[in-house]
């Protein structure tokens, strides 16, 4: 779990995860969003892969990255529990139902 929090501690890596929420992107497509060198981006990708927050697959000459949402959700739920927040599935479903019913 400490690898996940280390990965999430950097704003560039958080932004990479945010971009991947929309779907898989290549290393080049992700790098376009940042003003850093390719080796720096590769280092960020490595930290995210070590934390199992992203997966990568080789597609021809490029690398395609995918968000591993289950690991991110697990980390965020664990973090919330440390602060005594109830993030159970039942609570989230109830909140979604209330939000939908009030519109």
C-alpha atoms as a PDB file:
ATOM      1  CA  UNK A   1       0.000   0.000   0.000  1.00  0.00           C
ATOM      2  CA  UNK A   2       2.902   2.378   0.639  1.00  0.00           C
ATOM      3  CA  UNK A   3       3.864   2.142  -3.056  1.00  0.00           C
ATOM      4  CA  UNK A   4       0.382   3.324  -3.979  1.00  0.00           C
ATOM      5  CA  UNK A   5       0.605   6.343  -1.693  1.00  0.00           C
ATOM      6  CA  UNK A   6       4.105   7.140  -2.959  1.00  0.00           C
ATOM      7  CA  UNK A   7       2.763   7.036  -6.510  1.00  0.00           C
ATOM      8  CA  UNK A   8      -0.201   9.246  -5.604  1.00  0.00           C
ATOM      9  CA  UNK A   9       1.992  11.792  -3.811  1.00  0.00           C
ATOM     10  CA  UNK A  10       3.192  13.325  -7.081  1.00  0.00           C
ATOM     11  CA  UNK A  11       0.903  15.717  -9.013  1.00  0.00           C
ATOM     12  CA  UNK A  12       2.219  14.541 -12.401  1.00  0.00           C
ATOM     13  CA  UNK A  13       1.382  10.929 -11.581  1.00  0.00           C
ATOM     14  CA  UNK A  14      -2.069  11.924 -10.297  1.00  0.00           C
ATOM     15  CA  UNK A  15      -2.676  13.764 -13.578  1.00  0.00           C
ATOM     16  CA  UNK A  16      -1.610  10.682 -15.564  1.00  0.00           C
ATOM     17  CA  UNK A  17      -4.226   8.655 -13.666  1.00  0.00           C
ATOM     18  CA  UNK A  18      -6.808  11.337 -14.314  1.00  0.00           C
ATOM     19  CA  UNK A  19      -6.078  11.246 -18.059  1.00  0.00           C
ATOM     20  CA  UNK A  20      -6.299   7.440 -18.104  1.00  0.00           C
ATOM     21  CA  UNK A  21      -9.779   7.531 -16.547  1.00  0.00           C
ATOM     22  CA  UNK A  22     -11.037   8.422 -20.037  1.00  0.00           C
ATOM     23  CA  UNK A  23      -9.432   5.311 -21.508  1.00  0.00           C
ATOM     24  CA  UNK A  24      -6.082   3.851 -22.560  1.00  0.00           C
ATOM     25  CA  UNK A  25      -3.455   6.232 -23.947  1.00  0.00           C
ATOM     26  CA  UNK A  26      -0.021   5.738 -25.431  1.00  0.00           C
ATOM     27  CA  UNK A  27       3.099   7.015 -23.704  1.00  0.00           C
ATOM     28  CA  UNK A  28       3.388   9.698 -26.374  1.00  0.00           C
ATOM     29  CA  UNK A  29      -0.218  10.835 -25.940  1.00  0.00           C
ATOM     30  CA  UNK A  30       0.272  11.098 -22.188  1.00  0.00           C
ATOM     31  CA  UNK A  31       3.603  12.909 -22.528  1.00  0.00           C
ATOM     32  CA  UNK A  32       1.945  15.609 -24.671  1.00  0.00           C
ATOM     33  CA  UNK A  33       0.164  16.835 -21.528  1.00  0.00           C
ATOM     34  CA  UNK A  34       3.399  17.532 -19.629  1.00  0.00           C
ATOM     35  CA  UNK A  35       6.397  19.778 -20.097  1.00  0.00           C
ATOM     36  CA  UNK A  36       8.986  17.221 -18.970  1.00  0.00           C
ATOM     37  CA  UNK A  37      11.539  14.997 -20.687  1.00  0.00           C
ATOM     38  CA  UNK A  38      10.756  11.482 -21.931  1.00  0.00           C
ATOM     39  CA  UNK A  39      13.042   9.901 -19.295  1.00  0.00           C
ATOM     40  CA  UNK A  40      11.151  11.797 -16.577  1.00  0.00           C
ATOM     41  CA  UNK A  41       7.821  10.546 -17.926  1.00  0.00           C
ATOM     42  CA  UNK A  42       9.222   7.005 -18.118  1.00  0.00           C
ATOM     43  CA  UNK A  43      10.188   7.252 -14.455  1.00  0.00           C
ATOM     44  CA  UNK A  44       6.646   8.364 -13.553  1.00  0.00           C
ATOM     45  CA  UNK A  45       5.192   5.458 -15.553  1.00  0.00           C
ATOM     46  CA  UNK A  46       7.535   3.050 -13.747  1.00  0.00           C
ATOM     47  CA  UNK A  47       6.391   4.255 -10.309  1.00  0.00           C
ATOM     48  CA  UNK A  48       2.746   3.903 -11.337  1.00  0.00           C
ATOM     49  CA  UNK A  49       3.367   0.390 -12.717  1.00  0.00           C
ATOM     50  CA  UNK A  50       5.233  -0.669  -9.527  1.00  0.00           C
ATOM     51  CA  UNK A  51       2.231   0.473  -7.505  1.00  0.00           C
ATOM     52  CA  UNK A  52       0.011  -1.543  -9.891  1.00  0.00           C
ATOM     53  CA  UNK A  53      -2.046   1.597 -10.604  1.00  0.00           C
ATOM     54  CA  UNK A  54      -1.468   1.232 -14.338  1.00  0.00           C
ATOM     55  CA  UNK A  55      -0.731  -1.595 -16.712  1.00  0.00           C
ATOM     56  CA  UNK A  56       1.076  -1.339 -20.009  1.00  0.00           C
ATOM     57  CA  UNK A  57       0.992  -3.260 -23.243  1.00  0.00           C
ATOM     58  CA  UNK A  58       3.222  -3.048 -26.274  1.00  0.00           C
ATOM     59  CA  UNK A  59       1.372  -2.080 -29.460  1.00  0.00           C
ATOM     60  CA  UNK A  60       3.756  -2.026 -32.371  1.00  0.00           C
ATOM     61  CA  UNK A  61       6.369   0.592 -31.581  1.00  0.00           C
ATOM     62  CA  UNK A  62       4.349   2.289 -28.841  1.00  0.00           C
ATOM     63  CA  UNK A  63       3.309   1.418 -25.309  1.00  0.00           C
ATOM     64  CA  UNK A  64      -0.349   1.720 -24.339  1.00  0.00           C
ATOM     65  CA  UNK A  65      -1.211   2.437 -20.693  1.00  0.00           C
ATOM     66  CA  UNK A  66      -4.398   1.430 -18.883  1.00  0.00           C
ATOM     67  CA  UNK A  67      -5.715   2.522 -15.492  1.00  0.00           C
ATOM     68  CA  UNK A  68      -6.031  -0.278 -12.930  1.00  0.00           C
ATOM     69  CA  UNK A  69      -9.088   1.138 -11.183  1.00  0.00           C
ATOM     70  CA  UNK A  70      -9.499  -1.694  -8.664  1.00  0.00           C
ATOM     71  CA  UNK A  71      -6.136  -0.941  -7.025  1.00  0.00           C
ATOM     72  CA  UNK A  72      -6.893   2.786  -6.927  1.00  0.00           C
ATOM     73  CA  UNK A  73     -10.320   2.184  -5.379  1.00  0.00           C
ATOM     74  CA  UNK A  74      -8.851  -0.163  -2.775  1.00  0.00           C
ATOM     75  CA  UNK A  75      -6.197   2.392  -1.810  1.00  0.00           C
ATOM     76  CA  UNK A  76      -8.700   5.226  -1.537  1.00  0.00           C
ATOM     77  CA  UNK A  77     -11.085   3.112   0.538  1.00  0.00           C
ATOM     78  CA  UNK A  78      -8.228   2.157   2.873  1.00  0.00           C
ATOM     79  CA  UNK A  79      -7.223   5.791   3.185  1.00  0.00           C
ATOM     80  CA  UNK A  80     -10.815   6.835   3.948  1.00  0.00           C
ATOM     81  CA  UNK A  81     -11.102   4.152   6.638  1.00  0.00           C
ATOM     82  CA  UNK A  82      -8.036   5.578   8.403  1.00  0.00           C
ATOM     83  CA  UNK A  83     -10.081   8.763   8.876  1.00  0.00           C
ATOM     84  CA  UNK A  84     -13.217   6.899   9.916  1.00  0.00           C
ATOM     85  CA  UNK A  85     -15.151   7.611   6.734  1.00  0.00           C
ATOM     86  CA  UNK A  86     -17.781   5.070   5.681  1.00  0.00           C
ATOM     87  CA  UNK A  87     -17.121   4.244   2.043  1.00  0.00           C
ATOM     88  CA  UNK A  88     -18.920   0.937   1.825  1.00  0.00           C
ATOM     89  CA  UNK A  89     -20.671  -0.050  -1.394  1.00  0.00           C
ATOM     90  CA  UNK A  90     -24.020   0.211   0.367  1.00  0.00           C
ATOM     91  CA  UNK A  91     -23.292   3.819   1.385  1.00  0.00           C
ATOM     92  CA  UNK A  92     -22.228   4.773  -2.150  1.00  0.00           C
ATOM     93  CA  UNK A  93     -25.330   3.161  -3.698  1.00  0.00           C
ATOM     94  CA  UNK A  94     -27.581   4.946  -1.207  1.00  0.00           C
ATOM     95  CA  UNK A  95     -25.956   8.298  -1.973  1.00  0.00           C
ATOM     96  CA  UNK A  96     -26.310   7.739  -5.708  1.00  0.00           C
ATOM     97  CA  UNK A  97     -29.972   6.865  -5.247  1.00  0.00           C
ATOM     98  CA  UNK A  98     -30.619   9.996  -3.139  1.00  0.00           C
ATOM     99  CA  UNK A  99     -28.811  12.184  -5.674  1.00  0.00           C
ATOM    100  CA  UNK A 100     -30.852  10.715  -8.523  1.00  0.00           C
ATOM    101  CA  UNK A 101     -34.143  10.990  -6.637  1.00  0.00           C
ATOM    102  CA  UNK A 102     -33.658  14.659  -5.772  1.00  0.00           C
ATOM    103  CA  UNK A 103     -33.217  15.819  -9.387  1.00  0.00           C
END
